[in-house]
Amino acid sequence: MRAFRIYTEDLGDRALQEVIKLAGSYLEGFTVYRGQGVWRGQSEASLILEVLGDDSLGRTIQGLAAQLKEALHQEAILITEAPVTARLI
């Protein structure tokens, strides 16, 4: 199993709703966190979308990130991917 994260600027509640709407059209479930990041020396509010899935989810995450970049008018969006062990209890 893999953990995928998409990082983008938090442009307020409208951006959060756009992330949720777009992610919901690609994914069954996910988590969105608000944070504070730094990009090119400038501090900015951040949204981090996290989802767990198998390796094949990578293509979906790429497509979602590209749509978010366009919808949120971002210069760049960061995607991370890491192996995880997860279980539902």
N, C-alpha and C. Protein backbone atom coordinates (compact mmCIF):
# COMPACT_ATOMS: atom_id res chain seq x y z
N MET A 1 0.85 -1.17 0.00
CA MET A 1 0.00 0.00 0.00
C MET A 1 0.89 1.24 0.00
N ARG A 2 0.37 2.33 -0.59
CA ARG A 2 1.13 3.57 -0.69
C ARG A 2 0.29 4.73 -0.15
N ALA A 3 0.99 5.72 0.39
CA ALA A 3 0.35 6.97 0.80
C ALA A 3 0.75 8.03 -0.21
N PHE A 4 -0.23 8.69 -0.77
CA PHE A 4 -0.01 9.77 -1.72
C PHE A 4 -0.46 11.07 -1.06
N ARG A 5 0.30 12.14 -1.26
CA ARG A 5 -0.08 13.46 -0.78
C ARG A 5 0.07 14.47 -1.90
N ILE A 6 -0.89 15.37 -1.96
CA ILE A 6 -0.83 16.49 -2.89
C ILE A 6 -0.82 17.76 -2.04
N TYR A 7 0.17 18.60 -2.27
CA TYR A 7 0.32 19.86 -1.52
C TYR A 7 0.03 21.03 -2.45
N THR A 8 -0.81 21.96 -1.99
CA THR A 8 -1.10 23.16 -2.76
C THR A 8 -1.35 24.32 -1.80
N GLU A 9 -1.41 25.51 -2.35
CA GLU A 9 -1.67 26.68 -1.53
C GLU A 9 -3.13 26.69 -1.08
N ASP A 10 -3.36 27.07 0.16
CA ASP A 10 -4.71 27.21 0.70
C ASP A 10 -5.17 28.65 0.44
N LEU A 11 -6.05 28.80 -0.53
CA LEU A 11 -6.55 30.12 -0.91
C LEU A 11 -7.89 30.42 -0.23
N GLY A 12 -8.18 29.72 0.87
CA GLY A 12 -9.41 29.96 1.62
C GLY A 12 -10.43 28.87 1.41
N ASP A 13 -11.62 29.12 1.94
CA ASP A 13 -12.67 28.10 1.93
C ASP A 13 -13.09 27.69 0.51
N ARG A 14 -13.05 28.64 -0.43
CA ARG A 14 -13.40 28.31 -1.81
C ARG A 14 -12.41 27.28 -2.38
N ALA A 15 -11.13 27.46 -2.10
CA ALA A 15 -10.11 26.51 -2.56
C ALA A 15 -10.32 25.15 -1.90
N LEU A 16 -10.60 25.15 -0.60
CA LEU A 16 -10.85 23.89 0.11
C LEU A 16 -12.01 23.14 -0.53
N GLN A 17 -13.09 23.84 -0.81
CA GLN A 17 -14.26 23.20 -1.44
C GLN A 17 -13.93 22.69 -2.84
N GLU A 18 -13.10 23.40 -3.57
CA GLU A 18 -12.69 22.96 -4.91
C GLU A 18 -11.84 21.69 -4.82
N VAL A 19 -10.93 21.64 -3.85
CA VAL A 19 -10.11 20.44 -3.64
C VAL A 19 -11.02 19.25 -3.31
N ILE A 20 -11.95 19.45 -2.40
CA ILE A 20 -12.86 18.37 -2.01
C ILE A 20 -13.71 17.91 -3.19
N LYS A 21 -14.23 18.87 -3.96
CA LYS A 21 -15.06 18.52 -5.12
C LYS A 21 -14.27 17.73 -6.17
N LEU A 22 -13.11 18.24 -6.55
CA LEU A 22 -12.30 17.56 -7.56
C LEU A 22 -11.81 16.21 -7.06
N ALA A 23 -11.31 16.16 -5.83
CA ALA A 23 -10.82 14.88 -5.29
C ALA A 23 -11.95 13.86 -5.22
N GLY A 24 -13.14 14.31 -4.86
CA GLY A 24 -14.29 13.41 -4.79
C GLY A 24 -14.68 12.83 -6.14
N SER A 25 -14.34 13.53 -7.22
CA SER A 25 -14.65 13.00 -8.56
C SER A 25 -13.63 11.95 -9.00
N TYR A 26 -12.49 11.87 -8.30
CA TYR A 26 -11.44 10.90 -8.63
C TYR A 26 -11.35 9.75 -7.62
N LEU A 27 -11.66 10.03 -6.35
CA LEU A 27 -11.32 9.12 -5.26
C LEU A 27 -12.54 8.76 -4.41
N GLU A 28 -12.54 7.56 -3.86
CA GLU A 28 -13.60 7.13 -2.94
C GLU A 28 -13.47 7.78 -1.57
N GLY A 29 -12.24 7.97 -1.11
CA GLY A 29 -12.01 8.54 0.20
C GLY A 29 -10.64 9.21 0.26
N PHE A 30 -10.54 10.20 1.11
CA PHE A 30 -9.29 10.95 1.26
C PHE A 30 -9.41 11.83 2.49
N THR A 31 -8.30 12.43 2.89
CA THR A 31 -8.27 13.38 4.00
C THR A 31 -7.60 14.65 3.52
N VAL A 32 -8.12 15.80 3.95
CA VAL A 32 -7.52 17.09 3.62
C VAL A 32 -7.11 17.76 4.92
N TYR A 33 -5.86 18.19 4.97
CA TYR A 33 -5.31 18.90 6.14
C TYR A 33 -5.02 20.34 5.74
N ARG A 34 -5.14 21.23 6.70
CA ARG A 34 -4.66 22.60 6.51
C ARG A 34 -3.34 22.75 7.25
N GLY A 35 -2.41 23.47 6.65
CA GLY A 35 -1.10 23.65 7.28
C GLY A 35 -0.49 24.98 6.87
N GLN A 36 0.77 25.11 7.19
CA GLN A 36 1.54 26.30 6.82
C GLN A 36 2.81 25.81 6.14
N GLY A 37 3.08 26.31 4.96
CA GLY A 37 4.26 25.89 4.23
C GLY A 37 5.08 27.08 3.79
N VAL A 38 6.22 26.79 3.18
CA VAL A 38 7.08 27.84 2.63
C VAL A 38 7.43 27.43 1.21
N TRP A 39 7.23 28.35 0.28
CA TRP A 39 7.56 28.13 -1.12
C TRP A 39 8.37 29.32 -1.59
N ARG A 40 9.60 29.04 -2.03
CA ARG A 40 10.52 30.07 -2.51
C ARG A 40 10.69 31.21 -1.50
N GLY A 41 10.83 30.82 -0.24
CA GLY A 41 11.09 31.77 0.82
C GLY A 41 9.87 32.49 1.35
N GLN A 42 8.71 32.23 0.79
CA GLN A 42 7.48 32.89 1.22
C GLN A 42 6.59 31.91 1.97
N SER A 43 6.17 32.30 3.17
CA SER A 43 5.25 31.49 3.96
C SER A 43 3.86 31.58 3.36
N GLU A 44 3.17 30.44 3.29
CA GLU A 44 1.80 30.44 2.76
C GLU A 44 0.98 29.35 3.43
N ALA A 45 -0.30 29.61 3.52
CA ALA A 45 -1.22 28.60 4.02
C ALA A 45 -1.26 27.46 3.00
N SER A 46 -1.35 26.22 3.48
CA SER A 46 -1.29 25.05 2.61
C SER A 46 -2.49 24.13 2.81
N LEU A 47 -2.84 23.44 1.75
CA LEU A 47 -3.79 22.33 1.81
C LEU A 47 -3.02 21.07 1.43
N ILE A 48 -3.20 20.01 2.21
CA ILE A 48 -2.56 18.74 1.93
C ILE A 48 -3.65 17.69 1.81
N LEU A 49 -3.75 17.09 0.65
CA LEU A 49 -4.70 16.02 0.40
C LEU A 49 -3.95 14.70 0.51
N GLU A 50 -4.44 13.80 1.33
CA GLU A 50 -3.78 12.51 1.54
C GLU A 50 -4.74 11.38 1.20
N VAL A 51 -4.23 10.38 0.50
CA VAL A 51 -5.03 9.21 0.15
C VAL A 51 -4.14 7.98 0.16
N LEU A 52 -4.70 6.85 0.58
CA LEU A 52 -3.99 5.58 0.58
C LEU A 52 -4.53 4.71 -0.55
N GLY A 53 -3.64 3.97 -1.19
CA GLY A 53 -4.07 3.08 -2.26
C GLY A 53 -2.91 2.25 -2.76
N ASP A 54 -3.17 1.45 -3.78
CA ASP A 54 -2.09 0.64 -4.34
C ASP A 54 -1.30 1.45 -5.36
N ASP A 55 -0.25 0.84 -5.89
CA ASP A 55 0.65 1.54 -6.81
C ASP A 55 -0.08 2.13 -8.01
N SER A 56 -1.13 1.47 -8.47
CA SER A 56 -1.84 1.93 -9.66
C SER A 56 -2.55 3.27 -9.45
N LEU A 57 -2.71 3.69 -8.21
CA LEU A 57 -3.37 4.96 -7.93
C LEU A 57 -2.52 6.16 -8.37
N GLY A 58 -1.24 5.93 -8.62
CA GLY A 58 -0.34 7.01 -9.01
C GLY A 58 -0.81 7.80 -10.21
N ARG A 59 -1.33 7.13 -11.23
CA ARG A 59 -1.84 7.81 -12.42
C ARG A 59 -3.02 8.72 -12.09
N THR A 60 -3.90 8.23 -11.24
CA THR A 60 -5.06 9.00 -10.82
C THR A 60 -4.62 10.26 -10.08
N ILE A 61 -3.64 10.10 -9.19
CA ILE A 61 -3.13 11.23 -8.41
C ILE A 61 -2.51 12.27 -9.35
N GLN A 62 -1.79 11.83 -10.37
CA GLN A 62 -1.20 12.76 -11.35
C GLN A 62 -2.29 13.57 -12.05
N GLY A 63 -3.33 12.89 -12.47
CA GLY A 63 -4.43 13.58 -13.15
C GLY A 63 -5.14 14.57 -12.24
N LEU A 64 -5.39 14.16 -11.00
CA LEU A 64 -6.03 15.04 -10.03
C LEU A 64 -5.17 16.27 -9.76
N ALA A 65 -3.88 16.06 -9.55
CA ALA A 65 -2.97 17.18 -9.29
C ALA A 65 -2.95 18.17 -10.45
N ALA A 66 -2.95 17.66 -11.68
CA ALA A 66 -2.97 18.54 -12.85
C ALA A 66 -4.25 19.37 -12.88
N GLN A 67 -5.37 18.76 -12.56
CA GLN A 67 -6.64 19.51 -12.54
C GLN A 67 -6.64 20.54 -11.42
N LEU A 68 -6.12 20.18 -10.25
CA LEU A 68 -6.05 21.13 -9.14
C LEU A 68 -5.15 22.30 -9.48
N LYS A 69 -4.02 22.03 -10.12
CA LYS A 69 -3.09 23.10 -10.51
C LYS A 69 -3.79 24.11 -11.39
N GLU A 70 -4.55 23.63 -12.34
CA GLU A 70 -5.27 24.52 -13.25
C GLU A 70 -6.41 25.24 -12.53
N ALA A 71 -7.22 24.51 -11.78
CA ALA A 71 -8.39 25.10 -11.12
C ALA A 71 -8.01 26.15 -10.08
N LEU A 72 -6.88 25.92 -9.40
CA LEU A 72 -6.45 26.84 -8.34
C LEU A 72 -5.42 27.86 -8.82
N HIS A 73 -5.11 27.83 -10.13
CA HIS A 73 -4.17 28.77 -10.74
C HIS A 73 -2.81 28.76 -10.02
N GLN A 74 -2.27 27.56 -9.84
CA GLN A 74 -1.01 27.40 -9.14
C GLN A 74 0.15 27.25 -10.12
N GLU A 75 1.29 27.80 -9.76
CA GLU A 75 2.50 27.64 -10.56
C GLU A 75 3.00 26.19 -10.48
N ALA A 76 2.88 25.60 -9.29
CA ALA A 76 3.34 24.23 -9.08
C ALA A 76 2.54 23.60 -7.94
N ILE A 77 2.39 22.29 -8.03
CA ILE A 77 1.77 21.49 -6.97
C ILE A 77 2.72 20.33 -6.71
N LEU A 78 2.92 20.02 -5.44
CA LEU A 78 3.83 18.93 -5.05
C LEU A 78 3.04 17.66 -4.79
N ILE A 79 3.56 16.54 -5.32
CA ILE A 79 3.01 15.21 -5.04
C ILE A 79 4.10 14.41 -4.34
N THR A 80 3.74 13.74 -3.24
CA THR A 80 4.66 12.79 -2.61
C THR A 80 4.00 11.42 -2.58
N GLU A 81 4.84 10.41 -2.49
CA GLU A 81 4.37 9.03 -2.46
C GLU A 81 5.32 8.23 -1.57
N ALA A 82 4.75 7.42 -0.68
CA ALA A 82 5.58 6.64 0.23
C ALA A 82 4.89 5.32 0.55
N PRO A 83 5.68 4.26 0.76
CA PRO A 83 5.08 3.00 1.18
C PRO A 83 4.56 3.10 2.62
N VAL A 84 3.43 2.48 2.88
CA VAL A 84 2.86 2.47 4.22
C VAL A 84 2.26 1.10 4.52
N THR A 85 2.12 0.81 5.79
CA THR A 85 1.35 -0.34 6.24
C THR A 85 0.10 0.22 6.90
N ALA A 86 -1.06 -0.24 6.47
CA ALA A 86 -2.31 0.28 7.01
C ALA A 86 -3.29 -0.87 7.21
N ARG A 87 -4.17 -0.70 8.19
CA ARG A 87 -5.23 -1.69 8.42
C ARG A 87 -6.44 -1.00 9.01
N LEU A 88 -7.60 -1.45 8.63
CA LEU A 88 -8.84 -0.97 9.23
C LEU A 88 -9.16 -1.85 10.43
N ILE A 89 -9.60 -1.25 11.51
CA ILE A 89 -9.95 -2.02 12.71
C ILE A 89 -11.41 -1.74 13.04
